[in-house]
Amino acid sequence: MSAQPDGPYGPLIPMPELNADALRAAVAQILPSRLPAFTRQLSEAATNAQKMQSFAPLRTFVHYWAVIVAIERHPQRAARLHELERALAEGEAGREAVTEVRLIWEAAEAEAGL
């Protein structure tokens, strides 16, 4: 795991390695309520990878969960993302909110090394 400072408070945990075990440990620590979804999606990705004879479903799974962890390990960034998502879902936000969500996602991808 690599630690990356986030102002005076820092991230809750270091960024984990990009593999299922490390991501599972991170999810269990900072998003325990999402652990069942993580486990279910990992199983689905493994099944799809076997059926397709391709690693693409597993790469997609790791990419998605690495970004989720990268976002959620920074409480202020996660709170802002969730606020924007709620506003968009309720029709209370416009193009600026979509752009900000995209920027948060892109920053998390970069932080995860994707």
C-alpha atoms as a PDB file:
ATOM      1  CA  MET A   1       0.000   0.000   0.000  1.00  0.00           C
ATOM      2  CA  SER A   2       1.198   3.496  -0.739  1.00  0.00           C
ATOM      3  CA  ALA A   3       0.276   6.424   1.476  1.00  0.00           C
ATOM      4  CA  GLN A   4      -0.512   9.735  -0.162  1.00  0.00           C
ATOM      5  CA  PRO A   5      -1.046  12.799   2.032  1.00  0.00           C
ATOM      6  CA  ASP A   6      -4.337  14.686   1.887  1.00  0.00           C
ATOM      7  CA  GLY A   7      -3.744  18.018   3.542  1.00  0.00           C
ATOM      8  CA  PRO A   8      -3.378  18.058   7.322  1.00  0.00           C
ATOM      9  CA  TYR A   9      -5.750  15.123   7.840  1.00  0.00           C
ATOM     10  CA  GLY A  10      -4.529  12.560   5.340  1.00  0.00           C
ATOM     11  CA  PRO A  11      -6.401   9.576   3.986  1.00  0.00           C
ATOM     12  CA  LEU A  12      -8.071   7.089   6.314  1.00  0.00           C
ATOM     13  CA  ILE A  13      -5.916   4.277   4.940  1.00  0.00           C
ATOM     14  CA  PRO A  14      -3.067   3.944   2.461  1.00  0.00           C
ATOM     15  CA  MET A  15      -4.042   3.165  -1.127  1.00  0.00           C
ATOM     16  CA  PRO A  16      -4.056  -0.634  -1.368  1.00  0.00           C
ATOM     17  CA  GLU A  17      -2.475  -2.698  -4.083  1.00  0.00           C
ATOM     18  CA  LEU A  18      -4.710  -3.408  -7.053  1.00  0.00           C
ATOM     19  CA  ASN A  19      -5.727  -6.968  -6.296  1.00  0.00           C
ATOM     20  CA  ALA A  20      -8.890  -8.492  -4.874  1.00  0.00           C
ATOM     21  CA  ASP A  21      -7.428  -9.374  -1.464  1.00  0.00           C
ATOM     22  CA  ALA A  22      -5.982  -5.918  -0.814  1.00  0.00           C
ATOM     23  CA  LEU A  23      -9.114  -4.193  -2.065  1.00  0.00           C
ATOM     24  CA  ARG A  24     -11.319  -6.477   0.063  1.00  0.00           C
ATOM     25  CA  ALA A  25      -9.294  -5.563   3.156  1.00  0.00           C
ATOM     26  CA  ALA A  26      -9.639  -1.862   2.341  1.00  0.00           C
ATOM     27  CA  VAL A  27     -13.389  -2.150   1.751  1.00  0.00           C
ATOM     28  CA  ALA A  28     -13.784  -4.073   5.008  1.00  0.00           C
ATOM     29  CA  GLN A  29     -11.966  -1.304   6.845  1.00  0.00           C
ATOM     30  CA  ILE A  30     -13.531   1.842   5.360  1.00  0.00           C
ATOM     31  CA  LEU A  31     -16.785   0.606   3.749  1.00  0.00           C
ATOM     32  CA  PRO A  32     -17.883  -2.478   5.702  1.00  0.00           C
ATOM     33  CA  SER A  33     -21.495  -2.061   4.593  1.00  0.00           C
ATOM     34  CA  ARG A  34     -20.367  -2.518   0.967  1.00  0.00           C
ATOM     35  CA  LEU A  35     -18.459  -5.754   1.603  1.00  0.00           C
ATOM     36  CA  PRO A  36     -21.380  -7.984   0.502  1.00  0.00           C
ATOM     37  CA  ALA A  37     -21.598  -6.082  -2.814  1.00  0.00           C
ATOM     38  CA  PHE A  38     -17.829  -6.385  -3.241  1.00  0.00           C
ATOM     39  CA  THR A  39     -17.951 -10.148  -2.669  1.00  0.00           C
ATOM     40  CA  ARG A  40     -20.930 -10.627  -4.974  1.00  0.00           C
ATOM     41  CA  GLN A  41     -19.363  -8.560  -7.760  1.00  0.00           C
ATOM     42  CA  LEU A  42     -16.043 -10.395  -7.420  1.00  0.00           C
ATOM     43  CA  SER A  43     -17.841 -13.717  -7.803  1.00  0.00           C
ATOM     44  CA  GLU A  44     -19.732 -12.419 -10.835  1.00  0.00           C
ATOM     45  CA  ALA A  45     -16.511 -11.096 -12.393  1.00  0.00           C
ATOM     46  CA  ALA A  46     -14.749 -14.427 -11.862  1.00  0.00           C
ATOM     47  CA  THR A  47     -17.659 -16.338 -13.372  1.00  0.00           C
ATOM     48  CA  ASN A  48     -17.819 -13.994 -16.356  1.00  0.00           C
ATOM     49  CA  ALA A  49     -14.058 -14.182 -16.835  1.00  0.00           C
ATOM     50  CA  GLN A  50     -14.258 -17.962 -16.944  1.00  0.00           C
ATOM     51  CA  LYS A  51     -17.201 -17.971 -19.360  1.00  0.00           C
ATOM     52  CA  MET A  52     -15.589 -15.397 -21.637  1.00  0.00           C
ATOM     53  CA  GLN A  53     -12.101 -16.865 -21.240  1.00  0.00           C
ATOM     54  CA  SER A  54     -10.926 -13.311 -20.660  1.00  0.00           C
ATOM     55  CA  PHE A  55      -9.505 -11.318 -17.782  1.00  0.00           C
ATOM     56  CA  ALA A  56     -11.534  -8.253 -18.832  1.00  0.00           C
ATOM     57  CA  PRO A  57     -14.322  -8.746 -16.240  1.00  0.00           C
ATOM     58  CA  LEU A  58     -11.734  -9.032 -13.463  1.00  0.00           C
ATOM     59  CA  ARG A  59      -9.859  -5.955 -14.689  1.00  0.00           C
ATOM     60  CA  THR A  60     -13.139  -4.023 -14.756  1.00  0.00           C
ATOM     61  CA  PHE A  61     -13.938  -5.202 -11.221  1.00  0.00           C
ATOM     62  CA  VAL A  62     -10.509  -4.155  -9.884  1.00  0.00           C
ATOM     63  CA  HIS A  63     -10.711  -0.806 -11.684  1.00  0.00           C
ATOM     64  CA  TYR A  64     -14.142  -0.004 -10.229  1.00  0.00           C
ATOM     65  CA  TRP A  65     -13.305  -0.984  -6.654  1.00  0.00           C
ATOM     66  CA  ALA A  66      -9.890   0.681  -6.724  1.00  0.00           C
ATOM     67  CA  VAL A  67     -11.599   3.951  -7.642  1.00  0.00           C
ATOM     68  CA  ILE A  68     -14.243   3.485  -4.941  1.00  0.00           C
ATOM     69  CA  VAL A  69     -11.533   2.895  -2.332  1.00  0.00           C
ATOM     70  CA  ALA A  70      -9.478   5.843  -3.616  1.00  0.00           C
ATOM     71  CA  ILE A  71     -12.519   8.096  -3.225  1.00  0.00           C
ATOM     72  CA  GLU A  72     -13.770   6.761   0.102  1.00  0.00           C
ATOM     73  CA  ARG A  73     -10.411   6.809   1.846  1.00  0.00           C
ATOM     74  CA  HIS A  74     -10.698  10.625   1.755  1.00  0.00           C
ATOM     75  CA  PRO A  75     -13.827  11.482   3.801  1.00  0.00           C
ATOM     76  CA  GLN A  76     -14.230  15.042   2.491  1.00  0.00           C
ATOM     77  CA  ARG A  77     -13.939  13.948  -1.140  1.00  0.00           C
ATOM     78  CA  ALA A  78     -16.359  11.059  -0.560  1.00  0.00           C
ATOM     79  CA  ALA A  79     -18.865  13.339   1.166  1.00  0.00           C
ATOM     80  CA  ARG A  80     -18.725  15.801  -1.720  1.00  0.00           C
ATOM     81  CA  LEU A  81     -19.206  13.034  -4.272  1.00  0.00           C
ATOM     82  CA  HIS A  82     -22.219  11.660  -2.393  1.00  0.00           C
ATOM     83  CA  GLU A  83     -23.690  15.156  -2.097  1.00  0.00           C
ATOM     84  CA  LEU A  84     -23.333  15.647  -5.865  1.00  0.00           C
ATOM     85  CA  GLU A  85     -24.812  12.224  -6.605  1.00  0.00           C
ATOM     86  CA  ARG A  86     -27.847  12.967  -4.416  1.00  0.00           C
ATOM     87  CA  ALA A  87     -28.374  16.350  -6.087  1.00  0.00           C
ATOM     88  CA  LEU A  88     -28.132  14.773  -9.536  1.00  0.00           C
ATOM     89  CA  ALA A  89     -30.515  11.953  -8.628  1.00  0.00           C
ATOM     90  CA  GLU A  90     -33.047  14.477  -7.331  1.00  0.00           C
ATOM     91  CA  GLY A  91     -32.689  16.693 -10.394  1.00  0.00           C
ATOM     92  CA  GLU A  92     -31.294  19.556  -8.332  1.00  0.00           C
ATOM     93  CA  ALA A  93     -27.934  19.822 -10.107  1.00  0.00           C
ATOM     94  CA  GLY A  94     -26.787  20.541 -13.595  1.00  0.00           C
ATOM     95  CA  ARG A  95     -23.787  20.275 -15.858  1.00  0.00           C
ATOM     96  CA  GLU A  96     -21.397  21.674 -13.246  1.00  0.00           C
ATOM     97  CA  ALA A  97     -22.216  18.801 -10.894  1.00  0.00           C
ATOM     98  CA  VAL A  98     -21.640  16.241 -13.630  1.00  0.00           C
ATOM     99  CA  THR A  99     -18.281  17.843 -14.385  1.00  0.00           C
ATOM    100  CA  GLU A 100     -17.297  17.804 -10.711  1.00  0.00           C
ATOM    101  CA  VAL A 101     -18.266  14.131 -10.374  1.00  0.00           C
ATOM    102  CA  ARG A 102     -16.136  13.336 -13.424  1.00  0.00           C
ATOM    103  CA  LEU A 103     -13.180  15.259 -11.953  1.00  0.00           C
ATOM    104  CA  ILE A 104     -13.471  13.421  -8.634  1.00  0.00           C
ATOM    105  CA  TRP A 105     -13.596  10.081 -10.454  1.00  0.00           C
ATOM    106  CA  GLU A 106     -10.601  10.982 -12.656  1.00  0.00           C
ATOM    107  CA  ALA A 107      -8.559  12.119  -9.644  1.00  0.00           C
ATOM    108  CA  ALA A 108      -9.331   8.829  -7.897  1.00  0.00           C
ATOM    109  CA  GLU A 109      -8.311   6.848 -10.986  1.00  0.00           C
ATOM    110  CA  ALA A 110      -5.006   8.702 -11.099  1.00  0.00           C
ATOM    111  CA  GLU A 111      -4.459   8.157  -7.372  1.00  0.00           C
ATOM    112  CA  ALA A 112      -5.089   4.439  -7.830  1.00  0.00           C
ATOM    113  CA  GLY A 113      -2.616   4.338 -10.711  1.00  0.00           C
ATOM    114  CA  LEU A 114      -5.220   3.528 -13.347  1.00  0.00           C
END
